[in-house]
Amino acid sequence: MKVDEYQELHSGAYNCDLSRSEKEVIRKKLLGYKSQVLANGSRCPAETENAIKHLNQELAPTKFWSTWTTVTKISALSSIA
């Protein structure tokens, strides 16, 4: 991976304007980079680990649920039951 691509992935990981699919692509590329680094016997840089953790939190299904208000959650749950 080239240095500019590496830096672009890290800045993209924290970009709020990217779509969910774009964030998933960035996460996959960072995970690929991490696996290459680990396969070579090196340690993954902390900034890469942090970017992956951040993207995992952003892309987690509970992130969507937590953005709803309590009233919406209650009405959604009562309509399911």
PDB file of N, CA and C in Angstrom:
ATOM      1  N   MET A   1       0.852  -1.171   0.000  1.00  0.00           N
ATOM      2  CA  MET A   1       0.000   0.000   0.000  1.00  0.00           C
ATOM      3  C   MET A   1       0.899   1.235   0.000  1.00  0.00           C
ATOM      4  N   LYS A   2       0.552   2.175  -0.831  1.00  0.00           N
ATOM      5  CA  LYS A   2       1.316   3.418  -0.914  1.00  0.00           C
ATOM      6  C   LYS A   2       0.988   4.317   0.276  1.00  0.00           C
ATOM      7  N   VAL A   3       1.900   5.204   0.589  1.00  0.00           N
ATOM      8  CA  VAL A   3       1.750   6.083   1.745  1.00  0.00           C
ATOM      9  C   VAL A   3       0.531   6.980   1.590  1.00  0.00           C
ATOM     10  N   ASP A   4       0.318   7.544   0.384  1.00  0.00           N
ATOM     11  CA  ASP A   4      -0.833   8.444   0.227  1.00  0.00           C
ATOM     12  C   ASP A   4      -2.145   7.698   0.365  1.00  0.00           C
ATOM     13  N   GLU A   5      -2.199   6.457  -0.127  1.00  0.00           N
ATOM     14  CA  GLU A   5      -3.425   5.662   0.028  1.00  0.00           C
ATOM     15  C   GLU A   5      -3.666   5.362   1.510  1.00  0.00           C
ATOM     16  N   TYR A   6      -2.597   5.034   2.221  1.00  0.00           N
ATOM     17  CA  TYR A   6      -2.681   4.759   3.659  1.00  0.00           C
ATOM     18  C   TYR A   6      -3.230   5.979   4.405  1.00  0.00           C
ATOM     19  N   GLN A   7      -2.698   7.165   4.107  1.00  0.00           N
ATOM     20  CA  GLN A   7      -3.155   8.392   4.762  1.00  0.00           C
ATOM     21  C   GLN A   7      -4.580   8.743   4.361  1.00  0.00           C
ATOM     22  N   GLU A   8      -4.924   8.484   3.114  1.00  0.00           N
ATOM     23  CA  GLU A   8      -6.283   8.757   2.628  1.00  0.00           C
ATOM     24  C   GLU A   8      -7.302   7.862   3.335  1.00  0.00           C
ATOM     25  N   LEU A   9      -6.938   6.596   3.551  1.00  0.00           N
ATOM     26  CA  LEU A   9      -7.831   5.674   4.260  1.00  0.00           C
ATOM     27  C   LEU A   9      -8.062   6.133   5.697  1.00  0.00           C
ATOM     28  N   HIS A  10      -7.004   6.589   6.344  1.00  0.00           N
ATOM     29  CA  HIS A  10      -7.152   7.036   7.728  1.00  0.00           C
ATOM     30  C   HIS A  10      -7.992   8.306   7.832  1.00  0.00           C
ATOM     31  N   SER A  11      -7.802   9.232   6.920  1.00  0.00           N
ATOM     32  CA  SER A  11      -8.628  10.440   6.966  1.00  0.00           C
ATOM     33  C   SER A  11     -10.070  10.120   6.586  1.00  0.00           C
ATOM     34  N   GLY A  12     -10.268   9.188   5.670  1.00  0.00           N
ATOM     35  CA  GLY A  12     -11.615   8.785   5.275  1.00  0.00           C
ATOM     36  C   GLY A  12     -12.358   8.060   6.376  1.00  0.00           C
ATOM     37  N   ALA A  13     -11.637   7.384   7.240  1.00  0.00           N
ATOM     38  CA  ALA A  13     -12.266   6.638   8.328  1.00  0.00           C
ATOM     39  C   ALA A  13     -13.020   7.573   9.279  1.00  0.00           C
ATOM     40  N   TYR A  14     -12.567   8.795   9.392  1.00  0.00           N
ATOM     41  CA  TYR A  14     -13.192   9.753  10.309  1.00  0.00           C
ATOM     42  C   TYR A  14     -14.032  10.810   9.583  1.00  0.00           C
ATOM     43  N   ASN A  15     -14.233  10.642   8.289  1.00  0.00           N
ATOM     44  CA  ASN A  15     -15.011  11.581   7.489  1.00  0.00           C
ATOM     45  C   ASN A  15     -16.499  11.281   7.652  1.00  0.00           C
ATOM     46  N   CYS A  16     -17.237  12.223   8.189  1.00  0.00           N
ATOM     47  CA  CYS A  16     -18.672  12.037   8.452  1.00  0.00           C
ATOM     48  C   CYS A  16     -19.511  12.109   7.171  1.00  0.00           C
ATOM     49  N   ASP A  17     -18.953  12.664   6.114  1.00  0.00           N
ATOM     50  CA  ASP A  17     -19.715  12.863   4.884  1.00  0.00           C
ATOM     51  C   ASP A  17     -19.755  11.629   3.979  1.00  0.00           C
ATOM     52  N   LEU A  18     -19.004  10.598   4.318  1.00  0.00           N
ATOM     53  CA  LEU A  18     -18.978   9.398   3.480  1.00  0.00           C
ATOM     54  C   LEU A  18     -20.204   8.531   3.741  1.00  0.00           C
ATOM     55  N   SER A  19     -20.614   7.822   2.709  1.00  0.00           N
ATOM     56  CA  SER A  19     -21.752   6.909   2.850  1.00  0.00           C
ATOM     57  C   SER A  19     -21.326   5.654   3.601  1.00  0.00           C
ATOM     58  N   ARG A  20     -22.306   4.887   4.005  1.00  0.00           N
ATOM     59  CA  ARG A  20     -22.046   3.642   4.722  1.00  0.00           C
ATOM     60  C   ARG A  20     -21.227   2.675   3.867  1.00  0.00           C
ATOM     61  N   SER A  21     -21.551   2.579   2.591  1.00  0.00           N
ATOM     62  CA  SER A  21     -20.823   1.666   1.709  1.00  0.00           C
ATOM     63  C   SER A  21     -19.366   2.105   1.531  1.00  0.00           C
ATOM     64  N   GLU A  22     -19.128   3.407   1.458  1.00  0.00           N
ATOM     65  CA  GLU A  22     -17.755   3.905   1.345  1.00  0.00           C
ATOM     66  C   GLU A  22     -16.957   3.604   2.614  1.00  0.00           C
ATOM     67  N   LYS A  23     -17.610   3.723   3.770  1.00  0.00           N
ATOM     68  CA  LYS A  23     -16.946   3.406   5.031  1.00  0.00           C
ATOM     69  C   LYS A  23     -16.635   1.914   5.126  1.00  0.00           C
ATOM     70  N   GLU A  24     -17.517   1.084   4.600  1.00  0.00           N
ATOM     71  CA  GLU A  24     -17.276  -0.362   4.598  1.00  0.00           C
ATOM     72  C   GLU A  24     -16.070  -0.713   3.722  1.00  0.00           C
ATOM     73  N   VAL A  25     -15.931  -0.027   2.591  1.00  0.00           N
ATOM     74  CA  VAL A  25     -14.789  -0.253   1.712  1.00  0.00           C
ATOM     75  C   VAL A  25     -13.494   0.133   2.429  1.00  0.00           C
ATOM     76  N   ILE A  26     -13.515   1.270   3.114  1.00  0.00           N
ATOM     77  CA  ILE A  26     -12.333   1.722   3.854  1.00  0.00           C
ATOM     78  C   ILE A  26     -11.986   0.721   4.947  1.00  0.00           C
ATOM     79  N   ARG A  27     -13.003   0.245   5.656  1.00  0.00           N
ATOM     80  CA  ARG A  27     -12.764  -0.718   6.737  1.00  0.00           C
ATOM     81  C   ARG A  27     -12.143  -2.001   6.187  1.00  0.00           C
ATOM     82  N   LYS A  28     -12.655  -2.485   5.070  1.00  0.00           N
ATOM     83  CA  LYS A  28     -12.108  -3.708   4.461  1.00  0.00           C
ATOM     84  C   LYS A  28     -10.658  -3.518   4.041  1.00  0.00           C
ATOM     85  N   LYS A  29     -10.342  -2.350   3.477  1.00  0.00           N
ATOM     86  CA  LYS A  29      -8.969  -2.089   3.062  1.00  0.00           C
ATOM     87  C   LYS A  29      -8.039  -2.004   4.277  1.00  0.00           C
ATOM     88  N   LEU A  30      -8.505  -1.357   5.350  1.00  0.00           N
ATOM     89  CA  LEU A  30      -7.685  -1.272   6.553  1.00  0.00           C
ATOM     90  C   LEU A  30      -7.495  -2.642   7.191  1.00  0.00           C
ATOM     91  N   LEU A  31      -8.538  -3.462   7.177  1.00  0.00           N
ATOM     92  CA  LEU A  31      -8.401  -4.823   7.710  1.00  0.00           C
ATOM     93  C   LEU A  31      -7.432  -5.648   6.852  1.00  0.00           C
ATOM     94  N   GLY A  32      -7.452  -5.447   5.542  1.00  0.00           N
ATOM     95  CA  GLY A  32      -6.510  -6.113   4.659  1.00  0.00           C
ATOM     96  C   GLY A  32      -5.080  -5.685   4.945  1.00  0.00           C
ATOM     97  N   TYR A  33      -4.910  -4.390   5.164  1.00  0.00           N
ATOM     98  CA  TYR A  33      -3.584  -3.867   5.516  1.00  0.00           C
ATOM     99  C   TYR A  33      -3.117  -4.467   6.840  1.00  0.00           C
ATOM    100  N   LYS A  34      -4.023  -4.522   7.810  1.00  0.00           N
ATOM    101  CA  LYS A  34      -3.682  -5.077   9.122  1.00  0.00           C
ATOM    102  C   LYS A  34      -3.265  -6.542   8.995  1.00  0.00           C
ATOM    103  N   SER A  35      -3.980  -7.315   8.208  1.00  0.00           N
ATOM    104  CA  SER A  35      -3.632  -8.728   8.060  1.00  0.00           C
ATOM    105  C   SER A  35      -2.284  -8.900   7.363  1.00  0.00           C
ATOM    106  N   GLN A  36      -1.963  -8.024   6.410  1.00  0.00           N
ATOM    107  CA  GLN A  36      -0.656  -8.081   5.754  1.00  0.00           C
ATOM    108  C   GLN A  36       0.462  -7.769   6.742  1.00  0.00           C
ATOM    109  N   VAL A  37       0.241  -6.763   7.566  1.00  0.00           N
ATOM    110  CA  VAL A  37       1.254  -6.372   8.549  1.00  0.00           C
ATOM    111  C   VAL A  37       1.477  -7.504   9.545  1.00  0.00           C
ATOM    112  N   LEU A  38       0.396  -8.087  10.027  1.00  0.00           N
ATOM    113  CA  LEU A  38       0.511  -9.180  10.991  1.00  0.00           C
ATOM    114  C   LEU A  38       1.140 -10.415  10.358  1.00  0.00           C
ATOM    115  N   ALA A  39       0.846 -10.666   9.091  1.00  0.00           N
ATOM    116  CA  ALA A  39       1.428 -11.816   8.396  1.00  0.00           C
ATOM    117  C   ALA A  39       2.939 -11.666   8.238  1.00  0.00           C
ATOM    118  N   ASN A  40       3.406 -10.426   8.172  1.00  0.00           N
ATOM    119  CA  ASN A  40       4.845 -10.166   8.055  1.00  0.00           C
ATOM    120  C   ASN A  40       5.546 -10.171   9.406  1.00  0.00           C
ATOM    121  N   GLY A  41       4.799 -10.420  10.469  1.00  0.00           N
ATOM    122  CA  GLY A  41       5.392 -10.491  11.799  1.00  0.00           C
ATOM    123  C   GLY A  41       5.560  -9.155  12.486  1.00  0.00           C
ATOM    124  N   SER A  42       4.948  -8.122  11.959  1.00  0.00           N
ATOM    125  CA  SER A  42       5.039  -6.798  12.569  1.00  0.00           C
ATOM    126  C   SER A  42       3.784  -6.509  13.377  1.00  0.00           C
ATOM    127  N   ARG A  43       3.830  -5.426  14.124  1.00  0.00           N
ATOM    128  CA  ARG A  43       2.650  -4.980  14.864  1.00  0.00           C
ATOM    129  C   ARG A  43       1.903  -3.947  14.043  1.00  0.00           C
ATOM    130  N   CYS A  44       0.603  -3.988  14.142  1.00  0.00           N
ATOM    131  CA  CYS A  44      -0.236  -3.031  13.426  1.00  0.00           C
ATOM    132  C   CYS A  44      -0.132  -1.667  14.120  1.00  0.00           C
ATOM    133  N   PRO A  45       0.029  -0.575  13.366  1.00  0.00           N
ATOM    134  CA  PRO A  45       0.103   0.752  13.976  1.00  0.00           C
ATOM    135  C   PRO A  45      -1.169   1.085  14.762  1.00  0.00           C
ATOM    136  N   ALA A  46      -0.990   1.800  15.852  1.00  0.00           N
ATOM    137  CA  ALA A  46      -2.122   2.159  16.718  1.00  0.00           C
ATOM    138  C   ALA A  46      -3.158   2.985  15.964  1.00  0.00           C
ATOM    139  N   GLU A  47      -2.712   3.856  15.057  1.00  0.00           N
ATOM    140  CA  GLU A  47      -3.677   4.683  14.320  1.00  0.00           C
ATOM    141  C   GLU A  47      -4.567   3.823  13.423  1.00  0.00           C
ATOM    142  N   THR A  48      -4.033   2.739  12.901  1.00  0.00           N
ATOM    143  CA  THR A  48      -4.838   1.823  12.089  1.00  0.00           C
ATOM    144  C   THR A  48      -5.824   1.077  12.971  1.00  0.00           C
ATOM    145  N   GLU A  49      -5.371   0.598  14.119  1.00  0.00           N
ATOM    146  CA  GLU A  49      -6.266  -0.080  15.065  1.00  0.00           C
ATOM    147  C   GLU A  49      -7.407   0.848  15.479  1.00  0.00           C
ATOM    148  N   ASN A  50      -7.080   2.106  15.770  1.00  0.00           N
ATOM    149  CA  ASN A  50      -8.106   3.070  16.188  1.00  0.00           C
ATOM    150  C   ASN A  50      -9.094   3.366  15.065  1.00  0.00           C
ATOM    151  N   ALA A  51      -8.598   3.476  13.844  1.00  0.00           N
ATOM    152  CA  ALA A  51      -9.486   3.736  12.701  1.00  0.00           C
ATOM    153  C   ALA A  51     -10.428   2.555  12.478  1.00  0.00           C
ATOM    154  N   ILE A  52      -9.915   1.334  12.613  1.00  0.00           N
ATOM    155  CA  ILE A  52     -10.755   0.142  12.446  1.00  0.00           C
ATOM    156  C   ILE A  52     -11.818   0.088  13.544  1.00  0.00           C
ATOM    157  N   LYS A  53     -11.423   0.364  14.781  1.00  0.00           N
ATOM    158  CA  LYS A  53     -12.396   0.377  15.885  1.00  0.00           C
ATOM    159  C   LYS A  53     -13.471   1.430  15.651  1.00  0.00           C
ATOM    160  N   HIS A  54     -13.048   2.595  15.197  1.00  0.00           N
ATOM    161  CA  HIS A  54     -14.007   3.667  14.937  1.00  0.00           C
ATOM    162  C   HIS A  54     -15.005   3.255  13.858  1.00  0.00           C
ATOM    163  N   LEU A  55     -14.503   2.666  12.785  1.00  0.00           N
ATOM    164  CA  LEU A  55     -15.394   2.235  11.704  1.00  0.00           C
ATOM    165  C   LEU A  55     -16.307   1.099  12.151  1.00  0.00           C
ATOM    166  N   ASN A  56     -15.808   0.200  12.969  1.00  0.00           N
ATOM    167  CA  ASN A  56     -16.655  -0.870  13.500  1.00  0.00           C
ATOM    168  C   ASN A  56     -17.816  -0.286  14.293  1.00  0.00           C
ATOM    169  N   GLN A  57     -17.539   0.745  15.086  1.00  0.00           N
ATOM    170  CA  GLN A  57     -18.605   1.390  15.853  1.00  0.00           C
ATOM    171  C   GLN A  57     -19.573   2.132  14.939  1.00  0.00           C
ATOM    172  N   GLU A  58     -19.040   2.795  13.926  1.00  0.00           N
ATOM    173  CA  GLU A  58     -19.897   3.526  12.992  1.00  0.00           C
ATOM    174  C   GLU A  58     -20.807   2.593  12.189  1.00  0.00           C
ATOM    175  N   LEU A  59     -20.300   1.422  11.864  1.00  0.00           N
ATOM    176  CA  LEU A  59     -21.042   0.506  10.998  1.00  0.00           C
ATOM    177  C   LEU A  59     -21.845  -0.532  11.771  1.00  0.00           C
ATOM    178  N   ALA A  60     -21.759  -0.504  13.086  1.00  0.00           N
ATOM    179  CA  ALA A  60     -22.495  -1.472  13.897  1.00  0.00           C
ATOM    180  C   ALA A  60     -24.000  -1.230  13.762  1.00  0.00           C
ATOM    181  N   PRO A  61     -24.793  -2.296  13.733  1.00  0.00           N
ATOM    182  CA  PRO A  61     -26.247  -2.132  13.606  1.00  0.00           C
ATOM    183  C   PRO A  61     -26.851  -1.367  14.780  1.00  0.00           C
ATOM    184  N   THR A  62     -26.254  -1.428  15.943  1.00  0.00           N
ATOM    185  CA  THR A  62     -26.802  -0.719  17.102  1.00  0.00           C
ATOM    186  C   THR A  62     -26.636   0.778  16.975  1.00  0.00           C
ATOM    187  N   LYS A  63     -25.717   1.244  16.130  1.00  0.00           N
ATOM    188  CA  LYS A  63     -25.526   2.673  15.906  1.00  0.00           C
ATOM    189  C   LYS A  63     -26.818   3.280  15.355  1.00  0.00           C
ATOM    190  N   PHE A  64     -27.449   2.596  14.414  1.00  0.00           N
ATOM    191  CA  PHE A  64     -28.695   3.084  13.837  1.00  0.00           C
ATOM    192  C   PHE A  64     -29.788   3.127  14.895  1.00  0.00           C
ATOM    193  N   TRP A  65     -29.886   2.071  15.680  1.00  0.00           N
ATOM    194  CA  TRP A  65     -30.915   1.996  16.706  1.00  0.00           C
ATOM    195  C   TRP A  65     -30.719   3.083  17.755  1.00  0.00           C
ATOM    196  N   SER A  66     -29.488   3.386  18.123  1.00  0.00           N
ATOM    197  CA  SER A  66     -29.229   4.362  19.169  1.00  0.00           C
ATOM    198  C   SER A  66     -29.518   5.791  18.716  1.00  0.00           C
ATOM    199  N   THR A  67     -29.652   6.023  17.408  1.00  0.00           N
ATOM    200  CA  THR A  67     -29.956   7.372  16.947  1.00  0.00           C
ATOM    201  C   THR A  67     -31.438   7.700  17.086  1.00  0.00           C
ATOM    202  N   TRP A  68     -32.265   6.709  17.286  1.00  0.00           N
ATOM    203  CA  TRP A  68     -33.684   6.950  17.482  1.00  0.00           C
ATOM    204  C   TRP A  68     -33.922   7.540  18.860  1.00  0.00           C
ATOM    205  N   THR A  69     -34.981   8.290  18.995  1.00  0.00           N
ATOM    206  CA  THR A  69     -35.343   8.812  20.304  1.00  0.00           C
ATOM    207  C   THR A  69     -36.048   7.724  21.103  1.00  0.00           C
ATOM    208  N   THR A  70     -36.159   7.926  22.395  1.00  0.00           N
ATOM    209  CA  THR A  70     -36.814   6.949  23.256  1.00  0.00           C
ATOM    210  C   THR A  70     -38.270   6.764  22.858  1.00  0.00           C
ATOM    211  N   VAL A  71     -38.949   7.850  22.516  1.00  0.00           N
ATOM    212  CA  VAL A  71     -40.354   7.763  22.118  1.00  0.00           C
ATOM    213  C   VAL A  71     -40.494   6.906  20.870  1.00  0.00           C
ATOM    214  N   THR A  72     -39.603   7.081  19.910  1.00  0.00           N
ATOM    215  CA  THR A  72     -39.645   6.284  18.687  1.00  0.00           C
ATOM    216  C   THR A  72     -39.401   4.819  18.997  1.00  0.00           C
ATOM    217  N   LYS A  73     -38.448   4.537  19.903  1.00  0.00           N
ATOM    218  CA  LYS A  73     -38.167   3.150  20.268  1.00  0.00           C
ATOM    219  C   LYS A  73     -39.382   2.508  20.907  1.00  0.00           C
ATOM    220  N   ILE A  74     -40.044   3.237  21.792  1.00  0.00           N
ATOM    221  CA  ILE A  74     -41.216   2.683  22.478  1.00  0.00           C
ATOM    222  C   ILE A  74     -42.338   2.417  21.485  1.00  0.00           C
ATOM    223  N   SER A  75     -42.592   3.365  20.591  1.00  0.00           N
ATOM    224  CA  SER A  75     -43.663   3.167  19.616  1.00  0.00           C
ATOM    225  C   SER A  75     -43.313   2.046  18.652  1.00  0.00           C
ATOM    226  N   ALA A  76     -42.034   1.909  18.287  1.00  0.00           N
ATOM    227  CA  ALA A  76     -41.626   0.823  17.399  1.00  0.00           C
ATOM    228  C   ALA A  76     -41.785  -0.524  18.096  1.00  0.00           C
ATOM    229  N   LEU A  77     -41.406  -0.589  19.359  1.00  0.00           N
ATOM    230  CA  LEU A  77     -41.518  -1.826  20.084  1.00  0.00           C
ATOM    231  C   LEU A  77     -42.976  -2.201  20.315  1.00  0.00           C
ATOM    232  N   SER A  78     -43.817  -1.227  20.609  1.00  0.00           N
ATOM    233  CA  SER A  78     -45.225  -1.551  20.859  1.00  0.00           C
ATOM    234  C   SER A  78     -45.933  -1.960  19.574  1.00  0.00           C
ATOM    235  N   SER A  79     -45.475  -1.435  18.422  1.00  0.00           N
ATOM    236  CA  SER A  79     -46.105  -1.844  17.169  1.00  0.00           C
ATOM    237  C   SER A  79     -45.668  -3.242  16.761  1.00  0.00           C
ATOM    238  N   ILE A  80     -44.502  -3.671  17.211  1.00  0.00           N
ATOM    239  CA  ILE A  80     -44.036  -5.025  16.922  1.00  0.00           C
ATOM    240  C   ILE A  80     -44.823  -6.041  17.758  1.00  0.00           C
ATOM    241  N   ALA A  81     -45.055  -5.700  19.014  1.00  0.00           N
ATOM    242  CA  ALA A  81     -45.727  -6.610  19.937  1.00  0.00           C
ATOM    243  C   ALA A  81     -47.198  -6.667  19.712  1.00  0.00           C
TER     244      ALA A  81
END
